[in-house]
Amino acid sequence: MTREALGKCPVCGQNTEVTAIYCSSCDTKIEGHFTLCRFCRLTAEQKSFIEVFIKCRGNIKEVERELGISYPTVKSRLEDAANALGYGMQNYDDPESERRMEILDRLENGSISVEEALELLK
């Protein structure tokens, strides 16, 4: 049974650090302070979601089908995973940028056609 290193402390929720690495083949043990990769900070559910997201090549419609969840749920889980990886929520202070993003979201979820999106983006 493979056990993964915990990326977050189960007591306080802070990032953990590996202090020893061991090779069972040659009986070598290295001690020190090693940081874990960003993906180690994800929960099991977030890792599973990211795996499906990559499998579906980022196609949200395919992720919806694969997981049986709605478009807003896919977006929410993606945002949660991005935040856990240290990529904060994108801030669109510019109203024009926000309007364009809304149009692209509508295009992505199929509520408007490519032609309609192009017209709205002009």
N, C-alpha and C. Protein backbone atom coordinates (compact mmCIF):
# COMPACT_ATOMS: atom_id res chain seq x y z
N MET A 1 0.84 -1.18 0.00
CA MET A 1 0.00 0.00 0.00
C MET A 1 0.89 1.25 0.00
N THR A 2 0.66 2.13 -0.94
CA THR A 2 1.43 3.35 -1.04
C THR A 2 0.79 4.44 -0.18
N ARG A 3 1.60 5.12 0.58
CA ARG A 3 1.12 6.23 1.39
C ARG A 3 1.76 7.51 0.88
N GLU A 4 0.95 8.54 0.73
CA GLU A 4 1.46 9.83 0.28
C GLU A 4 1.82 10.68 1.49
N ALA A 5 2.82 11.52 1.32
CA ALA A 5 3.16 12.48 2.37
C ALA A 5 2.03 13.49 2.48
N LEU A 6 1.72 13.88 3.69
CA LEU A 6 0.68 14.88 3.91
C LEU A 6 1.25 16.26 3.59
N GLY A 7 0.59 16.97 2.72
CA GLY A 7 1.04 18.31 2.35
C GLY A 7 0.59 19.37 3.33
N LYS A 8 -0.47 19.06 4.08
CA LYS A 8 -1.01 19.97 5.09
C LYS A 8 -1.04 19.25 6.42
N CYS A 9 -0.74 19.96 7.48
CA CYS A 9 -0.77 19.39 8.83
C CYS A 9 -2.21 19.10 9.22
N PRO A 10 -2.52 17.88 9.66
CA PRO A 10 -3.89 17.56 10.05
C PRO A 10 -4.32 18.27 11.34
N VAL A 11 -3.38 18.83 12.07
CA VAL A 11 -3.71 19.53 13.32
C VAL A 11 -3.98 21.01 13.08
N CYS A 12 -3.03 21.71 12.43
CA CYS A 12 -3.17 23.16 12.28
C CYS A 12 -3.45 23.62 10.85
N GLY A 13 -3.31 22.72 9.86
CA GLY A 13 -3.60 23.08 8.48
C GLY A 13 -2.47 23.77 7.73
N GLN A 14 -1.33 23.96 8.36
CA GLN A 14 -0.20 24.60 7.69
C GLN A 14 0.54 23.60 6.80
N ASN A 15 1.37 24.11 5.89
CA ASN A 15 2.15 23.24 5.01
C ASN A 15 3.14 22.41 5.82
N THR A 16 3.33 21.16 5.41
CA THR A 16 4.28 20.28 6.09
C THR A 16 5.60 20.26 5.34
N GLU A 17 6.59 19.65 5.95
CA GLU A 17 7.93 19.57 5.38
C GLU A 17 8.45 18.16 5.64
N VAL A 18 9.06 17.56 4.65
CA VAL A 18 9.65 16.24 4.81
C VAL A 18 11.04 16.42 5.42
N THR A 19 11.36 15.61 6.43
CA THR A 19 12.68 15.74 7.08
C THR A 19 13.58 14.53 6.86
N ALA A 20 13.06 13.49 6.22
CA ALA A 20 13.90 12.32 5.94
C ALA A 20 13.41 11.63 4.67
N ILE A 21 14.37 11.13 3.90
CA ILE A 21 14.08 10.34 2.70
C ILE A 21 14.84 9.04 2.84
N TYR A 22 14.16 7.92 2.54
CA TYR A 22 14.78 6.61 2.75
C TYR A 22 14.64 5.76 1.50
N CYS A 23 15.71 5.07 1.12
CA CYS A 23 15.70 4.13 -0.01
C CYS A 23 15.77 2.72 0.57
N SER A 24 14.71 1.94 0.39
CA SER A 24 14.68 0.58 0.92
C SER A 24 15.57 -0.37 0.11
N SER A 25 15.93 0.01 -1.11
CA SER A 25 16.77 -0.83 -1.94
C SER A 25 18.22 -0.87 -1.44
N CYS A 26 18.76 0.29 -1.10
CA CYS A 26 20.17 0.34 -0.67
C CYS A 26 20.34 0.77 0.79
N ASP A 27 19.22 0.94 1.49
CA ASP A 27 19.22 1.29 2.91
C ASP A 27 19.86 2.66 3.17
N THR A 28 19.70 3.58 2.22
CA THR A 28 20.22 4.93 2.39
C THR A 28 19.14 5.82 3.00
N LYS A 29 19.53 6.62 3.97
CA LYS A 29 18.61 7.56 4.59
C LYS A 29 19.25 8.95 4.54
N ILE A 30 18.48 9.91 4.03
CA ILE A 30 18.95 11.29 3.93
C ILE A 30 18.04 12.13 4.81
N GLU A 31 18.63 12.89 5.72
CA GLU A 31 17.86 13.76 6.59
C GLU A 31 18.14 15.21 6.23
N GLY A 32 17.14 16.02 6.39
CA GLY A 32 17.25 17.45 6.08
C GLY A 32 15.86 18.06 6.09
N HIS A 33 15.72 19.17 5.42
CA HIS A 33 14.42 19.83 5.30
C HIS A 33 14.09 19.93 3.82
N PHE A 34 13.06 19.19 3.41
CA PHE A 34 12.67 19.13 2.01
C PHE A 34 11.25 19.64 1.87
N THR A 35 11.02 20.52 0.92
CA THR A 35 9.66 21.00 0.69
C THR A 35 8.94 20.03 -0.24
N LEU A 36 7.65 19.95 -0.06
CA LEU A 36 6.82 19.11 -0.92
C LEU A 36 6.36 19.93 -2.12
N CYS A 37 5.98 19.24 -3.17
CA CYS A 37 5.48 19.94 -4.35
C CYS A 37 4.11 20.56 -4.05
N ARG A 38 3.71 21.50 -4.85
CA ARG A 38 2.42 22.17 -4.66
C ARG A 38 1.25 21.19 -4.68
N PHE A 39 1.35 20.16 -5.51
CA PHE A 39 0.24 19.22 -5.63
C PHE A 39 0.03 18.41 -4.36
N CYS A 40 1.06 18.32 -3.53
CA CYS A 40 0.91 17.62 -2.25
C CYS A 40 -0.03 18.37 -1.31
N ARG A 41 -0.25 19.63 -1.57
CA ARG A 41 -1.14 20.45 -0.73
C ARG A 41 -2.62 20.24 -1.07
N LEU A 42 -2.89 19.58 -2.19
CA LEU A 42 -4.28 19.34 -2.59
C LEU A 42 -4.89 18.22 -1.76
N THR A 43 -6.20 18.32 -1.54
CA THR A 43 -6.92 17.23 -0.89
C THR A 43 -7.06 16.09 -1.89
N ALA A 44 -7.44 14.92 -1.40
CA ALA A 44 -7.64 13.77 -2.29
C ALA A 44 -8.70 14.10 -3.34
N GLU A 45 -9.76 14.80 -2.92
CA GLU A 45 -10.83 15.16 -3.85
C GLU A 45 -10.31 16.13 -4.92
N GLN A 46 -9.50 17.09 -4.53
CA GLN A 46 -8.94 18.04 -5.49
C GLN A 46 -8.00 17.34 -6.47
N LYS A 47 -7.20 16.40 -5.99
CA LYS A 47 -6.30 15.65 -6.87
C LYS A 47 -7.10 14.84 -7.89
N SER A 48 -8.17 14.22 -7.42
CA SER A 48 -9.02 13.43 -8.31
C SER A 48 -9.64 14.32 -9.38
N PHE A 49 -10.12 15.50 -8.96
CA PHE A 49 -10.72 16.44 -9.91
C PHE A 49 -9.70 16.88 -10.95
N ILE A 50 -8.50 17.25 -10.50
CA ILE A 50 -7.44 17.71 -11.42
C ILE A 50 -7.08 16.60 -12.41
N GLU A 51 -7.05 15.36 -11.93
CA GLU A 51 -6.75 14.24 -12.82
C GLU A 51 -7.80 14.13 -13.93
N VAL A 52 -9.08 14.24 -13.56
CA VAL A 52 -10.15 14.18 -14.56
C VAL A 52 -10.05 15.39 -15.49
N PHE A 53 -9.78 16.56 -14.94
CA PHE A 53 -9.66 17.78 -15.74
C PHE A 53 -8.57 17.62 -16.80
N ILE A 54 -7.44 17.07 -16.40
CA ILE A 54 -6.33 16.86 -17.35
C ILE A 54 -6.70 15.78 -18.36
N LYS A 55 -7.32 14.69 -17.89
CA LYS A 55 -7.75 13.61 -18.79
C LYS A 55 -8.67 14.15 -19.88
N CYS A 56 -9.54 15.10 -19.49
CA CYS A 56 -10.49 15.70 -20.43
C CYS A 56 -9.88 16.88 -21.18
N ARG A 57 -8.57 17.07 -21.03
CA ARG A 57 -7.82 18.14 -21.72
C ARG A 57 -8.40 19.52 -21.43
N GLY A 58 -8.97 19.71 -20.23
CA GLY A 58 -9.50 21.01 -19.85
C GLY A 58 -10.85 21.33 -20.44
N ASN A 59 -11.46 20.37 -21.13
CA ASN A 59 -12.78 20.58 -21.72
C ASN A 59 -13.84 20.46 -20.62
N ILE A 60 -14.42 21.59 -20.25
CA ILE A 60 -15.35 21.60 -19.12
C ILE A 60 -16.58 20.74 -19.39
N LYS A 61 -17.06 20.73 -20.62
CA LYS A 61 -18.22 19.87 -20.96
C LYS A 61 -17.90 18.40 -20.68
N GLU A 62 -16.69 17.98 -21.05
CA GLU A 62 -16.27 16.59 -20.80
C GLU A 62 -16.13 16.31 -19.31
N VAL A 63 -15.62 17.28 -18.56
CA VAL A 63 -15.50 17.12 -17.11
C VAL A 63 -16.88 16.98 -16.49
N GLU A 64 -17.83 17.81 -16.95
CA GLU A 64 -19.23 17.72 -16.48
C GLU A 64 -19.75 16.30 -16.68
N ARG A 65 -19.56 15.78 -17.90
CA ARG A 65 -20.06 14.43 -18.22
C ARG A 65 -19.37 13.36 -17.38
N GLU A 66 -18.06 13.45 -17.30
CA GLU A 66 -17.26 12.44 -16.59
C GLU A 66 -17.64 12.36 -15.11
N LEU A 67 -17.82 13.52 -14.49
CA LEU A 67 -18.10 13.55 -13.05
C LEU A 67 -19.58 13.66 -12.72
N GLY A 68 -20.41 13.93 -13.73
CA GLY A 68 -21.84 14.07 -13.48
C GLY A 68 -22.17 15.30 -12.64
N ILE A 69 -21.44 16.39 -12.90
CA ILE A 69 -21.66 17.62 -12.15
C ILE A 69 -21.94 18.77 -13.11
N SER A 70 -22.45 19.87 -12.58
CA SER A 70 -22.83 21.01 -13.40
C SER A 70 -21.63 21.90 -13.72
N TYR A 71 -21.83 22.77 -14.71
CA TYR A 71 -20.80 23.73 -15.11
C TYR A 71 -20.32 24.58 -13.92
N PRO A 72 -21.26 25.18 -13.14
CA PRO A 72 -20.79 25.99 -12.00
C PRO A 72 -19.99 25.17 -10.98
N THR A 73 -20.34 23.89 -10.81
CA THR A 73 -19.60 23.04 -9.87
C THR A 73 -18.19 22.78 -10.39
N VAL A 74 -18.06 22.55 -11.70
CA VAL A 74 -16.73 22.36 -12.30
C VAL A 74 -15.89 23.61 -12.07
N LYS A 75 -16.45 24.77 -12.37
CA LYS A 75 -15.72 26.03 -12.19
C LYS A 75 -15.32 26.24 -10.73
N SER A 76 -16.23 25.91 -9.82
CA SER A 76 -15.96 26.07 -8.39
C SER A 76 -14.83 25.15 -7.93
N ARG A 77 -14.87 23.89 -8.37
CA ARG A 77 -13.81 22.94 -7.99
C ARG A 77 -12.47 23.33 -8.60
N LEU A 78 -12.50 23.85 -9.80
CA LEU A 78 -11.27 24.30 -10.44
C LEU A 78 -10.68 25.49 -9.67
N GLU A 79 -11.54 26.41 -9.28
CA GLU A 79 -11.10 27.58 -8.50
C GLU A 79 -10.53 27.15 -7.15
N ASP A 80 -11.19 26.19 -6.49
CA ASP A 80 -10.70 25.67 -5.20
C ASP A 80 -9.31 25.06 -5.35
N ALA A 81 -9.13 24.26 -6.40
CA ALA A 81 -7.83 23.62 -6.63
C ALA A 81 -6.77 24.68 -6.94
N ALA A 82 -7.12 25.67 -7.75
CA ALA A 82 -6.17 26.74 -8.08
C ALA A 82 -5.76 27.50 -6.82
N ASN A 83 -6.72 27.77 -5.96
CA ASN A 83 -6.41 28.46 -4.70
C ASN A 83 -5.50 27.62 -3.82
N ALA A 84 -5.76 26.32 -3.75
CA ALA A 84 -4.94 25.41 -2.94
C ALA A 84 -3.50 25.35 -3.47
N LEU A 85 -3.34 25.54 -4.77
CA LEU A 85 -2.00 25.53 -5.38
C LEU A 85 -1.30 26.89 -5.25
N GLY A 86 -2.01 27.86 -4.68
CA GLY A 86 -1.41 29.17 -4.47
C GLY A 86 -1.70 30.18 -5.55
N TYR A 87 -2.60 29.84 -6.45
CA TYR A 87 -2.99 30.77 -7.50
C TYR A 87 -4.30 31.40 -7.10
N GLY A 88 -4.24 32.58 -6.51
CA GLY A 88 -5.44 33.25 -6.02
C GLY A 88 -6.41 33.55 -7.13
N MET A 89 -7.59 33.90 -6.72
CA MET A 89 -8.66 34.23 -7.67
C MET A 89 -8.22 35.39 -8.55
N GLN A 90 -8.47 35.26 -9.84
CA GLN A 90 -8.12 36.34 -10.75
C GLN A 90 -9.01 37.54 -10.47
N ASN A 91 -8.41 38.69 -10.50
CA ASN A 91 -9.15 39.91 -10.20
C ASN A 91 -9.34 40.70 -11.49
N TYR A 92 -10.57 40.81 -11.91
CA TYR A 92 -10.89 41.56 -13.11
C TYR A 92 -11.53 42.88 -12.69
N ASP A 93 -10.69 43.88 -12.39
CA ASP A 93 -11.21 45.18 -11.96
C ASP A 93 -11.81 45.94 -13.13
N ASP A 94 -11.31 45.68 -14.30
CA ASP A 94 -11.76 46.37 -15.49
C ASP A 94 -13.13 45.81 -15.91
N PRO A 95 -14.18 46.66 -15.94
CA PRO A 95 -15.52 46.17 -16.32
C PRO A 95 -15.54 45.54 -17.71
N GLU A 96 -14.72 46.05 -18.62
CA GLU A 96 -14.68 45.49 -19.98
C GLU A 96 -14.11 44.08 -19.96
N SER A 97 -13.09 43.85 -19.17
CA SER A 97 -12.52 42.50 -19.04
C SER A 97 -13.54 41.55 -18.45
N GLU A 98 -14.27 42.03 -17.45
CA GLU A 98 -15.30 41.19 -16.82
C GLU A 98 -16.39 40.84 -17.83
N ARG A 99 -16.81 41.82 -18.65
CA ARG A 99 -17.84 41.58 -19.67
C ARG A 99 -17.36 40.54 -20.67
N ARG A 100 -16.10 40.64 -21.11
CA ARG A 100 -15.55 39.67 -22.06
C ARG A 100 -15.48 38.27 -21.46
N MET A 101 -15.08 38.19 -20.18
CA MET A 101 -15.02 36.88 -19.52
C MET A 101 -16.41 36.25 -19.41
N GLU A 102 -17.42 37.06 -19.13
CA GLU A 102 -18.79 36.55 -19.06
C GLU A 102 -19.23 36.01 -20.42
N ILE A 103 -18.88 36.71 -21.48
CA ILE A 103 -19.22 36.25 -22.84
C ILE A 103 -18.52 34.92 -23.12
N LEU A 104 -17.24 34.82 -22.77
CA LEU A 104 -16.50 33.57 -23.00
C LEU A 104 -17.05 32.43 -22.15
N ASP A 105 -17.48 32.73 -20.93
CA ASP A 105 -18.11 31.70 -20.09
C ASP A 105 -19.41 31.22 -20.73
N ARG A 106 -20.20 32.16 -21.26
CA ARG A 106 -21.46 31.78 -21.91
C ARG A 106 -21.18 30.92 -23.15
N LEU A 107 -20.14 31.27 -23.89
CA LEU A 107 -19.76 30.48 -25.06
C LEU A 107 -19.34 29.08 -24.62
N GLU A 108 -18.53 29.01 -23.57
CA GLU A 108 -18.03 27.73 -23.09
C GLU A 108 -19.14 26.82 -22.59
N ASN A 109 -20.15 27.40 -21.94
CA ASN A 109 -21.22 26.53 -21.43
C ASN A 109 -22.32 26.30 -22.46
N GLY A 110 -22.13 26.83 -23.67
CA GLY A 110 -23.05 26.52 -24.76
C GLY A 110 -24.29 27.38 -24.83
N SER A 111 -24.38 28.43 -24.03
CA SER A 111 -25.59 29.25 -24.06
C SER A 111 -25.60 30.24 -25.22
N ILE A 112 -24.44 30.45 -25.86
CA ILE A 112 -24.39 31.26 -27.08
C ILE A 112 -23.47 30.57 -28.09
N SER A 113 -23.66 30.92 -29.36
CA SER A 113 -22.84 30.33 -30.42
C SER A 113 -21.55 31.12 -30.59
N VAL A 114 -20.64 30.56 -31.38
CA VAL A 114 -19.38 31.24 -31.67
C VAL A 114 -19.66 32.57 -32.36
N GLU A 115 -20.59 32.56 -33.30
CA GLU A 115 -20.92 33.78 -34.04
C GLU A 115 -21.46 34.85 -33.10
N GLU A 116 -22.35 34.44 -32.17
CA GLU A 116 -22.90 35.40 -31.21
C GLU A 116 -21.79 35.96 -30.32
N ALA A 117 -20.89 35.10 -29.90
CA ALA A 117 -19.79 35.54 -29.04
C ALA A 117 -18.91 36.54 -29.78
N LEU A 118 -18.59 36.24 -31.04
CA LEU A 118 -17.76 37.15 -31.82
C LEU A 118 -18.43 38.51 -31.96
N GLU A 119 -19.72 38.50 -32.20
CA GLU A 119 -20.46 39.76 -32.34
C GLU A 119 -20.45 40.55 -31.03
N LEU A 120 -20.66 39.85 -29.92
CA LEU A 120 -20.67 40.52 -28.61
C LEU A 120 -19.29 41.04 -28.21
N LEU A 121 -18.25 40.38 -28.67
CA LEU A 121 -16.89 40.79 -28.32
C LEU A 121 -16.38 41.98 -29.14
N LYS A 122 -17.09 42.35 -30.20
CA LYS A 122 -16.67 43.49 -31.05
C LYS A 122 -16.83 44.79 -30.30
